[in-house]
Protein backbone atom coordinates (compact mmCIF):
# COMPACT_ATOMS: atom_id res chain seq x y z
CA MET A 1 67.16 123.90 98.11
CA HIS A 2 64.84 122.99 95.26
CA ARG A 3 62.95 125.38 93.03
CA GLY A 4 59.63 123.72 92.47
CA SER A 5 60.22 119.98 92.64
CA ASN A 6 62.86 119.26 89.99
CA PHE A 7 65.46 122.02 89.93
CA VAL A 8 68.16 122.99 92.41
CA ASP A 9 68.49 126.61 93.51
CA ASN A 10 71.04 128.50 91.42
CA ALA A 11 72.93 129.63 94.53
CA HIS A 12 73.80 126.03 95.41
CA VAL A 13 74.84 125.29 91.85
CA SER A 14 77.00 128.41 91.73
CA ASP A 15 78.65 127.51 95.02
CA LEU A 16 79.49 124.02 93.78
CA TYR A 17 80.87 125.43 90.54
CA THR A 18 83.12 127.83 92.49
CA ARG A 19 84.48 125.00 94.64
CA ALA A 20 85.12 122.83 91.58
CA ASP A 21 86.82 125.67 89.73
CA THR A 22 89.04 126.38 92.75
CA LEU A 23 89.98 122.72 92.97
CA GLU A 24 90.91 122.76 89.29
CA SER A 25 93.31 125.66 89.94
CA LYS A 26 94.86 123.76 92.86
CA LEU A 27 95.19 120.66 90.70
CA ASN A 28 96.98 122.59 87.95
CA VAL A 29 99.37 124.13 90.45
CA ALA A 30 100.07 120.74 92.07
CA SER A 31 100.72 119.18 88.67
CA GLU A 32 103.07 122.01 87.72
CA ASN A 33 104.95 121.54 91.00
CA GLY A 34 105.51 117.87 90.16
CA LEU A 35 102.91 116.24 92.41
CA PHE A 36 102.29 113.37 89.99
CA LYS A 37 105.99 112.77 89.42
CA HIS A 38 106.75 112.25 93.09
CA GLN A 39 103.93 109.80 93.81
CA GLU A 40 102.18 107.15 91.72
CA LEU A 41 99.24 106.21 93.94
CA VAL A 42 96.93 108.83 92.41
CA THR A 43 97.05 109.90 88.77
CA TYR A 44 96.25 113.31 87.35
CA GLU A 45 93.46 111.91 85.18
CA SER A 46 91.72 110.21 88.12
CA ILE A 47 91.15 113.67 89.62
CA LEU A 48 90.61 115.66 86.46
CA ILE A 49 87.93 113.49 84.86
CA PRO A 50 85.35 113.66 87.69
CA LEU A 51 86.25 117.30 88.26
CA VAL A 52 85.54 118.21 84.65
CA GLU A 53 82.25 116.33 84.87
CA SER A 54 81.27 118.34 87.93
CA ILE A 55 82.19 121.63 86.25
CA ARG A 56 80.34 120.64 83.08
CA LEU A 57 77.13 119.97 84.96
CA THR A 58 77.30 123.09 87.14
CA THR A 59 77.67 125.40 84.12
CA ARG A 60 74.09 124.70 83.09
CA ASN A 61 71.45 127.33 83.73
CA HIS A 62 69.00 124.92 85.30
CA LEU A 63 70.19 121.80 87.08
CA GLU A 64 67.86 119.03 88.16
CA ALA A 65 68.24 117.45 91.57
CA ASP A 66 69.68 114.18 90.30
CA GLU A 67 72.17 116.02 88.08
CA TYR A 68 73.22 118.19 91.03
CA GLY A 69 73.73 115.04 93.08
CA THR A 70 75.92 113.61 90.31
CA ALA A 71 77.96 116.82 90.13
CA LEU A 72 78.38 116.91 93.90
CA THR A 73 79.48 113.27 94.03
CA ALA A 74 81.98 113.84 91.23
CA TYR A 75 83.40 116.88 93.03
CA ASP A 76 83.69 115.02 96.34
CA HIS A 77 85.47 112.15 94.62
CA ALA A 78 87.92 114.49 92.86
CA ASN A 79 88.55 116.43 96.08
CA SER A 80 89.26 113.30 98.10
CA ARG A 81 91.63 111.98 95.41
CA TYR A 82 93.44 115.32 95.33
CA HIS A 83 94.06 115.31 99.09
CA LEU A 84 95.10 111.65 98.94
CA ALA A 85 97.69 112.58 96.31
CA ILE A 86 99.01 115.41 98.49
CA GLN A 87 99.35 113.12 101.50
CA SER A 88 101.00 110.40 99.40
CA VAL A 89 103.97 112.62 98.56
CA GLY A 90 107.07 112.33 100.73
CA LEU A 91 107.56 114.84 103.54
CA TYR A 92 110.44 116.62 101.78
CA HIS A 93 108.52 117.25 98.57
CA ARG A 94 105.39 118.24 100.51
CA LEU A 95 107.31 120.81 102.55
CA THR A 96 109.07 122.10 99.45
CA TYR A 97 106.29 122.29 96.87
CA VAL A 98 103.11 122.53 98.95
CA TYR A 99 104.15 124.55 102.01
CA GLY A 100 107.04 126.54 100.53
CA ALA A 101 109.44 125.71 103.36
CA PRO A 102 112.63 126.73 101.45
CA THR A 103 111.09 130.10 100.65
CA LEU A 104 110.16 130.64 104.28
CA ALA A 105 113.66 129.60 105.34
CA TYR A 106 115.20 132.10 102.92
CA LEU A 107 113.04 135.00 104.12
CA THR A 108 113.75 134.08 107.74
CA LEU A 109 117.49 133.93 107.07
CA VAL A 110 117.53 137.37 105.47
CA LEU A 111 115.56 138.79 108.40
CA PHE A 112 118.02 137.14 110.80
CA LEU A 113 121.00 138.66 108.97
CA ILE A 114 119.39 142.10 109.13
CA GLY A 115 118.50 141.78 112.81
CA PHE A 116 121.92 140.55 113.85
CA ARG A 117 124.01 142.63 111.47
CA GLY A 118 125.82 144.21 114.44
CA TYR A 119 127.02 140.83 115.70
CA ILE A 120 127.94 139.79 112.16
CA ARG A 121 129.96 142.97 111.70
CA ALA A 122 131.80 142.40 114.98
CA THR A 123 132.60 138.83 113.96
CA VAL A 124 133.95 139.97 110.59
CA GLU A 125 136.12 142.57 112.29
CA MET A 126 137.43 140.03 114.77
CA LEU A 127 138.26 137.42 112.13
CA SER A 128 139.65 139.70 109.44
CA GLY A 129 141.01 142.58 111.45
CA LEU A 130 139.13 144.96 109.16
CA SER A 131 136.65 147.59 110.19
CA PRO A 132 134.27 148.06 107.25
CA SER A 133 132.12 151.16 107.14
CA PHE A 134 128.40 150.50 106.87
CA HIS A 135 127.20 154.04 107.38
CA LEU A 136 125.95 154.63 103.84
CA ALA A 137 124.56 152.10 101.38
CA PHE A 138 124.62 154.81 98.72
CA PRO A 139 125.39 158.54 98.89
CA SER A 140 122.84 160.17 101.23
CA ILE A 141 120.99 156.85 101.91
CA PRO A 142 121.83 155.33 105.32
CA THR A 143 122.22 151.56 105.39
CA GLN A 144 119.57 151.38 108.12
CA ILE A 145 117.03 152.81 105.67
CA VAL A 146 117.83 150.24 102.99
CA LEU A 147 117.63 147.44 105.55
CA SER A 148 114.30 148.78 106.79
CA GLY A 149 112.97 148.65 103.24
CA ALA A 150 114.24 145.07 103.01
CA VAL A 151 112.27 144.25 106.17
CA GLY A 152 109.15 145.60 104.46
CA GLY A 153 109.91 143.40 101.45
CA ILE A 154 110.31 140.36 103.70
CA LEU A 155 106.95 141.12 105.32
CA LYS A 156 105.36 141.32 101.88
CA GLY A 157 106.92 137.98 100.92
CA VAL A 158 105.82 136.24 104.13
CA ILE A 159 102.22 137.45 103.78
CA ALA A 160 102.12 136.39 100.11
CA LEU A 161 103.60 132.99 101.00
CA TRP A 162 101.06 132.45 103.78
CA THR A 163 98.18 133.40 101.46
CA HIS A 164 99.23 131.05 98.66
CA VAL A 165 100.02 128.16 100.99
CA ASP A 166 96.71 128.62 102.79
CA GLU A 167 94.92 128.45 99.43
CA MET A 168 97.09 125.48 98.33
CA GLU A 169 98.26 127.50 95.33
CA TYR A 170 101.97 127.96 96.08
CA ARG A 171 103.95 127.61 92.83
CA LYS A 172 107.65 126.81 92.63
CA VAL A 173 108.05 129.11 89.61
CA TRP A 174 107.51 132.06 91.96
CA ALA A 175 110.86 131.39 93.66
CA THR A 176 112.52 134.31 91.85
CA TRP A 177 109.80 136.71 93.00
CA TYR A 178 110.29 135.67 96.63
CA VAL A 179 114.09 135.91 96.34
CA LEU A 180 113.76 139.46 95.02
CA CYS A 181 111.32 140.60 97.73
CA PRO A 182 113.99 141.84 100.22
CA ILE A 183 116.13 143.28 97.42
CA THR A 184 113.24 145.15 95.82
CA GLY A 185 112.02 146.31 99.22
CA GLY A 186 115.47 147.64 100.12
CA LEU A 187 115.84 149.51 96.84
CA LEU A 188 112.37 151.05 97.03
CA GLY A 189 112.86 151.98 100.68
CA GLY A 190 116.12 153.74 99.89
CA VAL A 191 114.86 155.61 96.83
CA VAL A 192 111.60 156.71 98.49
CA TYR A 193 113.58 157.89 101.52
CA LEU A 194 115.84 159.89 99.20
CA SER A 195 112.77 161.40 97.52
CA PHE A 196 111.39 162.60 100.85
CA PHE A 197 114.86 163.70 101.98
CA VAL A 198 115.33 165.89 98.90
CA GLY A 199 111.85 167.32 99.43
CA ILE A 200 112.73 168.26 103.02
CA ILE A 201 115.98 169.92 101.93
CA THR A 202 114.17 171.92 99.26
CA SER A 203 111.26 173.05 101.44
CA THR A 204 113.04 173.65 104.78
CA GLN A 205 116.67 174.28 103.72
CA THR A 206 117.83 171.73 106.29
CA THR A 207 119.82 168.56 105.71
CA SER A 208 118.60 166.61 108.75
CA ILE A 209 115.42 164.68 109.47
CA ALA A 210 113.95 165.58 112.86
CA ASN A 211 112.36 162.19 113.43
CA PRO A 212 114.55 159.25 112.26
CA THR A 213 111.85 156.78 113.30
CA LEU A 214 109.53 158.29 110.71
CA ALA A 215 112.18 157.76 108.04
CA ILE A 216 112.49 154.09 109.04
CA LEU A 217 108.71 153.70 108.92
CA ILE A 218 108.56 155.26 105.46
CA ALA A 219 111.24 152.84 104.25
CA ILE A 220 109.38 149.83 105.68
CA VAL A 221 106.10 150.94 104.10
CA ALA A 222 107.85 151.50 100.75
CA GLY A 223 109.43 148.04 100.93
CA TYR A 224 106.07 146.45 101.71
CA ASN A 225 103.71 148.49 99.51
CA TRP A 226 105.34 148.52 96.08
CA PRO A 227 102.47 150.32 94.29
CA TRP A 228 102.67 153.16 96.84
CA ALA A 229 106.46 153.39 96.47
CA THR A 230 106.34 153.39 92.67
CA GLY A 231 103.57 156.00 92.87
CA VAL A 232 105.93 158.24 94.84
CA LEU A 233 108.65 157.72 92.23
CA ARG A 234 106.25 158.54 89.39
CA LYS A 235 105.36 161.73 91.22
CA VAL A 236 109.05 162.64 91.43
CA VAL A 237 109.46 161.97 87.71
CA THR A 238 106.49 164.25 86.99
CA ILE A 239 107.95 167.00 89.17
CA LEU A 240 111.36 166.75 87.52
CA SER A 241 109.92 166.70 84.01
CA PRO A 242 110.20 169.98 82.06
CA ASP A 243 107.12 172.15 81.77
CA ASP A 244 105.85 173.84 78.60
CA GLN A 245 108.70 176.34 78.74
CA GLY A 246 111.31 173.61 79.01
CA GLU A 247 112.04 174.38 82.68
CA PRO A 248 111.95 171.73 85.43
CA GLN A 249 108.86 171.91 87.59
CA LYS A 250 109.22 173.12 91.16
CA LEU A 251 110.80 170.41 93.29
CA LEU A 252 108.80 168.88 96.16
CA THR A 253 107.56 171.76 98.27
CA LYS A 254 105.55 171.51 101.43
CA ASN A 255 102.34 171.44 99.43
CA SER A 256 103.57 168.89 96.92
CA ASP A 257 101.42 165.79 96.68
CA VAL A 258 103.71 162.78 96.99
CA GLY A 259 100.95 160.24 97.47
CA PRO A 260 100.52 157.39 95.03
CA LYS A 261 98.36 158.00 92.01
CA ASP A 262 98.52 154.81 90.01
CA ASN A 263 96.78 155.61 86.75
CA ARG A 264 98.13 152.65 84.83
CA SER A 265 95.73 151.60 82.12
CA THR A 266 97.34 148.21 81.56
CA GLY A 267 95.90 145.40 83.60
CA SER A 268 93.44 145.95 86.40
CA ARG A 269 94.13 142.62 88.05
CA LYS A 270 94.62 142.71 91.79
CA ASP A 271 97.90 140.81 91.59
CA LYS A 272 99.44 143.32 89.19
CA GLU A 273 98.41 146.24 91.38
CA SER A 274 99.78 144.66 94.55
CA GLY A 275 103.10 143.62 93.02
CA GLU A 276 102.47 140.02 94.03
CA PRO A 277 102.69 136.97 91.78
CA PRO A 278 99.43 136.11 90.04
CA ALA A 279 97.13 133.76 91.88
CA GLU A 280 96.14 131.66 88.87
CA PRO A 281 98.38 129.44 86.73
CA LEU A 282 100.20 131.28 83.98
CA THR A 283 99.40 130.51 80.36
């Protein structure tokens, strides 16, 4: 652990700094979610002060053993106070702002409505005497495709929720993003399906898809993987754009590359590329 007799190995110092920095992010998220408004046992400053001291010490190039011990003690104290604050909050606020229970309930409800849409339709017909047509969500886009894209969006939302809750970095300001997950997934699934459908018509002169399961899978993938779906749409835009002679380029043939080629130059952050909310507090 020690280099020579006085200094601590840089790997240990770096590890402690990473843990302290992660705790600072969790503390900021908890404060933003109202942790210190819903309990008074632990104050924000009682966690922040020792945490800042730990970070200050671990940013040095060479840390002596006694200084490392001080930094470690300060981190342990801040960490224990943070968890005490979390446990001191009432169950309702903990489920809402720490574990994202309302968000999970919303995503589950949407999935339930999609899965039992047949029973819901039958109930509506029985109560109203009407027989609504749900064959097409939009011209040439079957409702089943849009719903499949919504399922992909729900899967994306559930995985993002699990990741942020597991890291104790779930933020209530992301509620809008989670609400839009099924909607965005459904729209992307439908539009990507239409893109492939038009390509099939152009290349094979047929208006039917031989394997409907493949179409459903494409919609689910588009609803889940937003960068891939937007890459397909950018490819369509490129194909439909006029060439040097002012004529539209050839439309989606068998050899057309419809894979995603995301050449965006703005922002290389992982969260932007994945379409998920950023992992660190916004400034």
